[in-house]
Amino acid sequence: MAMKMKIKKGFSLLELTLVLGVGTMVAFMKFQDMKNEQESIMASAVGQQMKQIGEAVNGYINIRYDKLSTLSNAAGTGTDPGPRTCSGSVCEITYQTLINEGLLPSTYTGTNANKSSYKIILKRDGTSPNYVINGLITTSTAWIEGGKTRYDLLGNAMQIAGIDSGMTRTTSNAFGYGGQWSETSANFNNITSAGQLAFRVGFNSALYSIYLRRDGTLP
């Protein structure tokens, strides 16, 4: 008796479902990898930008120490271009101040890759004639996506920005890289919400040491 072989053509519903499921999973994984890579690039850019403005502010403290120690305002013109607004023991400057001093390029936009601007507060500490200037730079807005504070990306940005960088964990506290330092909103009113990137500048910062003599004084 001759036997007929039945040739199966096409996919069964189960096989088709499995193929589609695997394809969807692979596509999702590729999308997630791409998203993670984009986020990593953005965090690195944000960290580098914060370090750049931090270095500029340290340079500003060095060249304008006399004005900062006497809490002198500057309107934005003349040999001390400003703008700089001082009240009590605190002075506030902007990215435009740093551009006017030649410490940032004229093309600098004042916002980072995450579309946040900066707030720069400088504070006079100590007693005359040995005042010291310390400061804190923060992003004006917290890094929040989908209602979630992105501490992971802030941490990545801090790794690029270095030892003087930090982040706010509450509405009143900022904590430095590796727990190296901390600040409160009582001292710096630019600490306003959890999830801000921060950067310490001035006498107590690590980067400012390049401007000091071995005895800790300015040249």
C-alpha atoms as a PDB file:
ATOM      1  CA  MET A   1       0.000   0.000   0.000  1.00  0.00           C
ATOM      2  CA  ALA A   2       1.408   3.324  -0.988  1.00  0.00           C
ATOM      3  CA  MET A   3       1.704   5.822   1.824  1.00  0.00           C
ATOM      4  CA  LYS A   4       1.044   9.441   1.195  1.00  0.00           C
ATOM      5  CA  MET A   5       3.098  12.011   3.034  1.00  0.00           C
ATOM      6  CA  LYS A   6       1.266  15.056   4.177  1.00  0.00           C
ATOM      7  CA  ILE A   7       3.419  18.170   3.877  1.00  0.00           C
ATOM      8  CA  LYS A   8       2.746  20.817   6.449  1.00  0.00           C
ATOM      9  CA  LYS A   9       2.651  24.297   5.038  1.00  0.00           C
ATOM     10  CA  GLY A  10       2.839  27.608   6.902  1.00  0.00           C
ATOM     11  CA  PHE A  11       2.978  28.239  10.657  1.00  0.00           C
ATOM     12  CA  SER A  12       0.622  27.107  13.321  1.00  0.00           C
ATOM     13  CA  LEU A  13      -1.041  29.794  15.417  1.00  0.00           C
ATOM     14  CA  LEU A  14       1.209  28.930  18.361  1.00  0.00           C
ATOM     15  CA  GLU A  15       4.380  29.179  16.280  1.00  0.00           C
ATOM     16  CA  LEU A  16       3.264  32.479  14.804  1.00  0.00           C
ATOM     17  CA  THR A  17       2.503  33.844  18.267  1.00  0.00           C
ATOM     18  CA  LEU A  18       5.949  32.786  19.512  1.00  0.00           C
ATOM     19  CA  VAL A  19       7.714  34.382  16.539  1.00  0.00           C
ATOM     20  CA  LEU A  20       5.823  37.638  16.977  1.00  0.00           C
ATOM     21  CA  GLY A  21       6.482  37.598  20.717  1.00  0.00           C
ATOM     22  CA  VAL A  22      10.224  37.122  20.270  1.00  0.00           C
ATOM     23  CA  GLY A  23      10.322  39.824  17.598  1.00  0.00           C
ATOM     24  CA  THR A  24       8.501  42.267  19.848  1.00  0.00           C
ATOM     25  CA  MET A  25      10.840  41.477  22.747  1.00  0.00           C
ATOM     26  CA  VAL A  26      13.949  42.009  20.610  1.00  0.00           C
ATOM     27  CA  ALA A  27      12.575  45.308  19.287  1.00  0.00           C
ATOM     28  CA  PHE A  28      11.774  46.465  22.837  1.00  0.00           C
ATOM     29  CA  MET A  29      15.249  45.538  24.078  1.00  0.00           C
ATOM     30  CA  LYS A  30      16.860  47.458  21.223  1.00  0.00           C
ATOM     31  CA  PHE A  31      14.641  50.453  21.942  1.00  0.00           C
ATOM     32  CA  GLN A  32      15.518  50.293  25.646  1.00  0.00           C
ATOM     33  CA  ASP A  33      19.237  50.065  24.855  1.00  0.00           C
ATOM     34  CA  MET A  34      18.937  53.085  22.576  1.00  0.00           C
ATOM     35  CA  LYS A  35      17.037  55.028  25.233  1.00  0.00           C
ATOM     36  CA  ASN A  36      19.598  54.144  27.911  1.00  0.00           C
ATOM     37  CA  GLU A  37      22.429  55.251  25.625  1.00  0.00           C
ATOM     38  CA  GLN A  38      20.718  58.575  24.905  1.00  0.00           C
ATOM     39  CA  GLU A  39      20.139  59.149  28.623  1.00  0.00           C
ATOM     40  CA  SER A  40      23.774  58.352  29.378  1.00  0.00           C
ATOM     41  CA  ILE A  41      24.937  60.846  26.741  1.00  0.00           C
ATOM     42  CA  MET A  42      22.633  63.520  28.159  1.00  0.00           C
ATOM     43  CA  ALA A  43      23.773  62.898  31.750  1.00  0.00           C
ATOM     44  CA  SER A  44      27.412  63.169  30.665  1.00  0.00           C
ATOM     45  CA  ALA A  45      26.695  66.442  28.865  1.00  0.00           C
ATOM     46  CA  VAL A  46      24.857  67.850  31.893  1.00  0.00           C
ATOM     47  CA  GLY A  47      27.768  66.906  34.153  1.00  0.00           C
ATOM     48  CA  GLN A  48      30.356  68.448  31.847  1.00  0.00           C
ATOM     49  CA  GLN A  49      28.312  71.644  31.552  1.00  0.00           C
ATOM     50  CA  MET A  50      28.032  71.935  35.335  1.00  0.00           C
ATOM     51  CA  LYS A  51      31.785  71.454  35.705  1.00  0.00           C
ATOM     52  CA  GLN A  52      32.367  74.141  33.063  1.00  0.00           C
ATOM     53  CA  ILE A  53      30.241  76.734  34.824  1.00  0.00           C
ATOM     54  CA  GLY A  54      31.726  75.708  38.180  1.00  0.00           C
ATOM     55  CA  GLU A  55      35.252  76.356  36.931  1.00  0.00           C
ATOM     56  CA  ALA A  56      34.107  79.713  35.546  1.00  0.00           C
ATOM     57  CA  VAL A  57      32.590  80.737  38.886  1.00  0.00           C
ATOM     58  CA  ASN A  58      35.778  79.789  40.732  1.00  0.00           C
ATOM     59  CA  GLY A  59      37.693  81.983  38.304  1.00  0.00           C
ATOM     60  CA  TYR A  60      35.214  84.787  38.961  1.00  0.00           C
ATOM     61  CA  ILE A  61      35.644  84.512  42.736  1.00  0.00           C
ATOM     62  CA  ASN A  62      39.389  84.757  42.235  1.00  0.00           C
ATOM     63  CA  ILE A  63      39.346  87.915  40.096  1.00  0.00           C
ATOM     64  CA  ARG A  64      36.475  89.643  41.942  1.00  0.00           C
ATOM     65  CA  TYR A  65      37.337  88.662  45.509  1.00  0.00           C
ATOM     66  CA  ASP A  66      37.667  92.313  46.609  1.00  0.00           C
ATOM     67  CA  LYS A  67      34.184  93.165  45.332  1.00  0.00           C
ATOM     68  CA  LEU A  68      32.608  90.023  46.750  1.00  0.00           C
ATOM     69  CA  SER A  69      34.262  90.462  50.152  1.00  0.00           C
ATOM     70  CA  THR A  70      32.794  93.977  50.382  1.00  0.00           C
ATOM     71  CA  LEU A  71      29.433  92.804  48.995  1.00  0.00           C
ATOM     72  CA  SER A  72      29.487  95.389  46.220  1.00  0.00           C
ATOM     73  CA  ASN A  73      26.762  95.424  43.580  1.00  0.00           C
ATOM     74  CA  ALA A  74      27.613  95.674  39.883  1.00  0.00           C
ATOM     75  CA  ALA A  75      25.052  96.813  37.338  1.00  0.00           C
ATOM     76  CA  GLY A  76      26.513  95.225  34.236  1.00  0.00           C
ATOM     77  CA  THR A  77      28.786  97.943  32.849  1.00  0.00           C
ATOM     78  CA  GLY A  78      32.307  99.271  33.314  1.00  0.00           C
ATOM     79  CA  THR A  79      35.468  97.510  34.411  1.00  0.00           C
ATOM     80  CA  ASP A  80      33.490  95.436  36.911  1.00  0.00           C
ATOM     81  CA  PRO A  81      30.758  94.422  34.472  1.00  0.00           C
ATOM     82  CA  GLY A  82      28.534  92.224  36.586  1.00  0.00           C
ATOM     83  CA  PRO A  83      25.625  91.846  36.857  1.00  0.00           C
ATOM     84  CA  ARG A  84      26.060  91.085  40.555  1.00  0.00           C
ATOM     85  CA  THR A  85      23.422  91.671  43.221  1.00  0.00           C
ATOM     86  CA  CYS A  86      24.420  91.564  46.893  1.00  0.00           C
ATOM     87  CA  SER A  87      22.290  91.621  50.014  1.00  0.00           C
ATOM     88  CA  GLY A  88      23.190  90.674  53.572  1.00  0.00           C
ATOM     89  CA  SER A  89      26.160  88.322  53.256  1.00  0.00           C
ATOM     90  CA  VAL A  90      25.099  86.919  49.881  1.00  0.00           C
ATOM     91  CA  CYS A  91      25.773  87.863  46.256  1.00  0.00           C
ATOM     92  CA  GLU A  92      24.041  86.424  43.216  1.00  0.00           C
ATOM     93  CA  ILE A  93      25.523  86.366  39.733  1.00  0.00           C
ATOM     94  CA  THR A  94      24.334  84.860  36.451  1.00  0.00           C
ATOM     95  CA  TYR A  95      25.860  83.099  33.492  1.00  0.00           C
ATOM     96  CA  GLN A  96      25.832  86.489  31.743  1.00  0.00           C
ATOM     97  CA  THR A  97      28.185  87.795  34.439  1.00  0.00           C
ATOM     98  CA  LEU A  98      30.639  85.068  33.522  1.00  0.00           C
ATOM     99  CA  ILE A  99      30.311  85.832  29.810  1.00  0.00           C
ATOM    100  CA  ASN A 100      30.922  89.535  30.485  1.00  0.00           C
ATOM    101  CA  GLU A 101      34.103  88.636  32.376  1.00  0.00           C
ATOM    102  CA  GLY A 102      35.335  86.432  29.519  1.00  0.00           C
ATOM    103  CA  LEU A 103      35.067  83.308  31.670  1.00  0.00           C
ATOM    104  CA  LEU A 104      32.460  81.692  29.415  1.00  0.00           C
ATOM    105  CA  PRO A 105      32.185  81.970  25.622  1.00  0.00           C
ATOM    106  CA  SER A 106      29.755  84.531  24.196  1.00  0.00           C
ATOM    107  CA  THR A 107      27.812  81.667  22.592  1.00  0.00           C
ATOM    108  CA  TYR A 108      27.010  80.139  25.987  1.00  0.00           C
ATOM    109  CA  THR A 109      23.223  79.808  26.322  1.00  0.00           C
ATOM    110  CA  GLY A 110      22.824  79.465  30.088  1.00  0.00           C
ATOM    111  CA  THR A 111      20.829  76.228  29.894  1.00  0.00           C
ATOM    112  CA  ASN A 112      22.081  72.664  30.053  1.00  0.00           C
ATOM    113  CA  ALA A 113      21.313  69.647  27.870  1.00  0.00           C
ATOM    114  CA  ASN A 114      18.279  68.924  30.055  1.00  0.00           C
ATOM    115  CA  LYS A 115      16.957  72.444  29.374  1.00  0.00           C
ATOM    116  CA  SER A 116      17.519  73.705  32.903  1.00  0.00           C
ATOM    117  CA  SER A 117      19.065  77.077  33.709  1.00  0.00           C
ATOM    118  CA  TYR A 118      21.358  77.754  36.680  1.00  0.00           C
ATOM    119  CA  LYS A 119      21.203  79.759  39.887  1.00  0.00           C
ATOM    120  CA  ILE A 120      24.543  80.932  41.302  1.00  0.00           C
ATOM    121  CA  ILE A 121      24.761  82.058  44.937  1.00  0.00           C
ATOM    122  CA  LEU A 122      28.004  83.282  46.560  1.00  0.00           C
ATOM    123  CA  LYS A 123      28.269  83.769  50.313  1.00  0.00           C
ATOM    124  CA  ARG A 124      30.787  85.721  52.391  1.00  0.00           C
ATOM    125  CA  ASP A 125      31.983  83.820  55.457  1.00  0.00           C
ATOM    126  CA  GLY A 126      34.494  84.579  58.210  1.00  0.00           C
ATOM    127  CA  THR A 127      35.587  87.917  59.636  1.00  0.00           C
ATOM    128  CA  SER A 128      37.445  90.942  58.291  1.00  0.00           C
ATOM    129  CA  PRO A 129      40.072  91.102  56.954  1.00  0.00           C
ATOM    130  CA  ASN A 130      40.099  87.355  56.316  1.00  0.00           C
ATOM    131  CA  TYR A 131      36.765  86.844  54.606  1.00  0.00           C
ATOM    132  CA  VAL A 132      36.329  83.752  52.463  1.00  0.00           C
ATOM    133  CA  ILE A 133      33.849  83.324  49.639  1.00  0.00           C
ATOM    134  CA  ASN A 134      31.948  80.083  49.271  1.00  0.00           C
ATOM    135  CA  GLY A 135      29.181  79.358  46.835  1.00  0.00           C
ATOM    136  CA  LEU A 136      26.708  76.905  45.421  1.00  0.00           C
ATOM    137  CA  ILE A 137      25.493  76.504  41.866  1.00  0.00           C
ATOM    138  CA  THR A 138      22.267  74.597  41.294  1.00  0.00           C
ATOM    139  CA  THR A 139      20.130  73.790  38.322  1.00  0.00           C
ATOM    140  CA  SER A 140      16.973  75.874  38.523  1.00  0.00           C
ATOM    141  CA  THR A 141      14.746  72.832  38.058  1.00  0.00           C
ATOM    142  CA  ALA A 142      14.873  69.274  39.340  1.00  0.00           C
ATOM    143  CA  TRP A 143      15.509  66.361  36.966  1.00  0.00           C
ATOM    144  CA  ILE A 144      12.085  64.752  36.888  1.00  0.00           C
ATOM    145  CA  GLU A 145      10.671  62.543  34.136  1.00  0.00           C
ATOM    146  CA  GLY A 146       7.226  60.984  34.223  1.00  0.00           C
ATOM    147  CA  GLY A 147       6.779  62.106  37.809  1.00  0.00           C
ATOM    148  CA  LYS A 148       9.969  60.290  38.854  1.00  0.00           C
ATOM    149  CA  THR A 149      13.095  62.046  40.134  1.00  0.00           C
ATOM    150  CA  ARG A 150      16.009  60.738  38.069  1.00  0.00           C
ATOM    151  CA  TYR A 151      18.584  60.243  40.787  1.00  0.00           C
ATOM    152  CA  ASP A 152      20.272  57.676  38.531  1.00  0.00           C
ATOM    153  CA  LEU A 153      20.996  60.258  35.841  1.00  0.00           C
ATOM    154  CA  LEU A 154      21.987  62.853  38.438  1.00  0.00           C
ATOM    155  CA  GLY A 155      24.504  60.339  39.768  1.00  0.00           C
ATOM    156  CA  ASN A 156      25.883  59.798  36.270  1.00  0.00           C
ATOM    157  CA  ALA A 157      26.182  63.564  35.781  1.00  0.00           C
ATOM    158  CA  MET A 158      28.017  63.879  39.108  1.00  0.00           C
ATOM    159  CA  GLN A 159      30.605  61.305  38.027  1.00  0.00           C
ATOM    160  CA  ILE A 160      31.475  63.564  35.097  1.00  0.00           C
ATOM    161  CA  ALA A 161      31.271  66.851  37.038  1.00  0.00           C
ATOM    162  CA  GLY A 162      33.621  65.567  39.739  1.00  0.00           C
ATOM    163  CA  ILE A 163      34.202  65.849  43.466  1.00  0.00           C
ATOM    164  CA  ASP A 164      32.588  69.265  43.941  1.00  0.00           C
ATOM    165  CA  SER A 165      29.303  68.147  42.412  1.00  0.00           C
ATOM    166  CA  GLY A 166      26.251  67.022  44.338  1.00  0.00           C
ATOM    167  CA  MET A 167      22.488  66.772  44.260  1.00  0.00           C
ATOM    168  CA  THR A 168      19.536  67.801  46.373  1.00  0.00           C
ATOM    169  CA  ARG A 169      17.731  64.952  48.104  1.00  0.00           C
ATOM    170  CA  THR A 170      15.145  67.109  49.864  1.00  0.00           C
ATOM    171  CA  THR A 171      13.786  70.635  49.551  1.00  0.00           C
ATOM    172  CA  SER A 172      16.345  71.821  52.102  1.00  0.00           C
ATOM    173  CA  ASN A 173      19.541  69.758  51.706  1.00  0.00           C
ATOM    174  CA  ALA A 174      22.216  69.168  49.072  1.00  0.00           C
ATOM    175  CA  PHE A 175      24.742  66.364  49.412  1.00  0.00           C
ATOM    176  CA  GLY A 176      28.105  66.176  47.695  1.00  0.00           C
ATOM    177  CA  TYR A 177      29.759  63.479  45.644  1.00  0.00           C
ATOM    178  CA  GLY A 178      30.596  60.485  47.826  1.00  0.00           C
ATOM    179  CA  GLY A 179      29.300  62.327  50.900  1.00  0.00           C
ATOM    180  CA  GLN A 180      32.233  64.774  50.707  1.00  0.00           C
ATOM    181  CA  TRP A 181      30.108  67.804  51.624  1.00  0.00           C
ATOM    182  CA  SER A 182      26.597  69.008  52.397  1.00  0.00           C
ATOM    183  CA  GLU A 183      24.729  72.309  52.312  1.00  0.00           C
ATOM    184  CA  THR A 184      21.342  73.535  53.487  1.00  0.00           C
ATOM    185  CA  SER A 185      18.756  75.920  52.110  1.00  0.00           C
ATOM    186  CA  ALA A 186      19.327  78.069  55.209  1.00  0.00           C
ATOM    187  CA  ASN A 187      22.727  78.957  53.734  1.00  0.00           C
ATOM    188  CA  PHE A 188      21.862  78.809  50.036  1.00  0.00           C
ATOM    189  CA  ASN A 189      18.348  79.644  48.914  1.00  0.00           C
ATOM    190  CA  ASN A 190      18.861  78.024  45.511  1.00  0.00           C
ATOM    191  CA  ILE A 191      18.221  74.659  47.174  1.00  0.00           C
ATOM    192  CA  THR A 192      14.494  74.435  46.499  1.00  0.00           C
ATOM    193  CA  SER A 193      13.509  70.880  45.571  1.00  0.00           C
ATOM    194  CA  ALA A 194      14.730  67.297  45.499  1.00  0.00           C
ATOM    195  CA  GLY A 195      16.472  66.335  42.269  1.00  0.00           C
ATOM    196  CA  GLN A 196      18.567  69.416  41.492  1.00  0.00           C
ATOM    197  CA  LEU A 197      22.154  69.029  40.334  1.00  0.00           C
ATOM    198  CA  ALA A 198      24.490  71.109  42.506  1.00  0.00           C
ATOM    199  CA  PHE A 199      28.121  72.223  42.461  1.00  0.00           C
ATOM    200  CA  ARG A 200      30.159  73.658  45.315  1.00  0.00           C
ATOM    201  CA  VAL A 201      32.496  76.571  44.527  1.00  0.00           C
ATOM    202  CA  GLY A 202      34.788  78.896  46.439  1.00  0.00           C
ATOM    203  CA  PHE A 203      37.205  78.515  49.322  1.00  0.00           C
ATOM    204  CA  ASN A 204      35.899  75.161  50.603  1.00  0.00           C
ATOM    205  CA  SER A 205      35.713  73.512  47.184  1.00  0.00           C
ATOM    206  CA  ALA A 206      38.335  71.170  45.782  1.00  0.00           C
ATOM    207  CA  LEU A 207      38.731  72.959  42.435  1.00  0.00           C
ATOM    208  CA  TYR A 208      39.354  76.354  44.042  1.00  0.00           C
ATOM    209  CA  SER A 209      42.618  75.136  45.570  1.00  0.00           C
ATOM    210  CA  ILE A 210      44.425  75.900  42.292  1.00  0.00           C
ATOM    211  CA  TYR A 211      43.996  79.615  43.080  1.00  0.00           C
ATOM    212  CA  LEU A 212      45.445  79.457  46.606  1.00  0.00           C
ATOM    213  CA  ARG A 213      48.941  79.732  48.004  1.00  0.00           C
ATOM    214  CA  ARG A 214      50.238  76.858  50.094  1.00  0.00           C
ATOM    215  CA  ASP A 215      49.107  78.685  53.257  1.00  0.00           C
ATOM    216  CA  GLY A 216      45.553  78.877  51.906  1.00  0.00           C
ATOM    217  CA  THR A 217      45.546  82.579  51.019  1.00  0.00           C
ATOM    218  CA  LEU A 218      44.916  84.201  47.663  1.00  0.00           C
ATOM    219  CA  PRO A 219      47.970  85.443  45.753  1.00  0.00           C
END
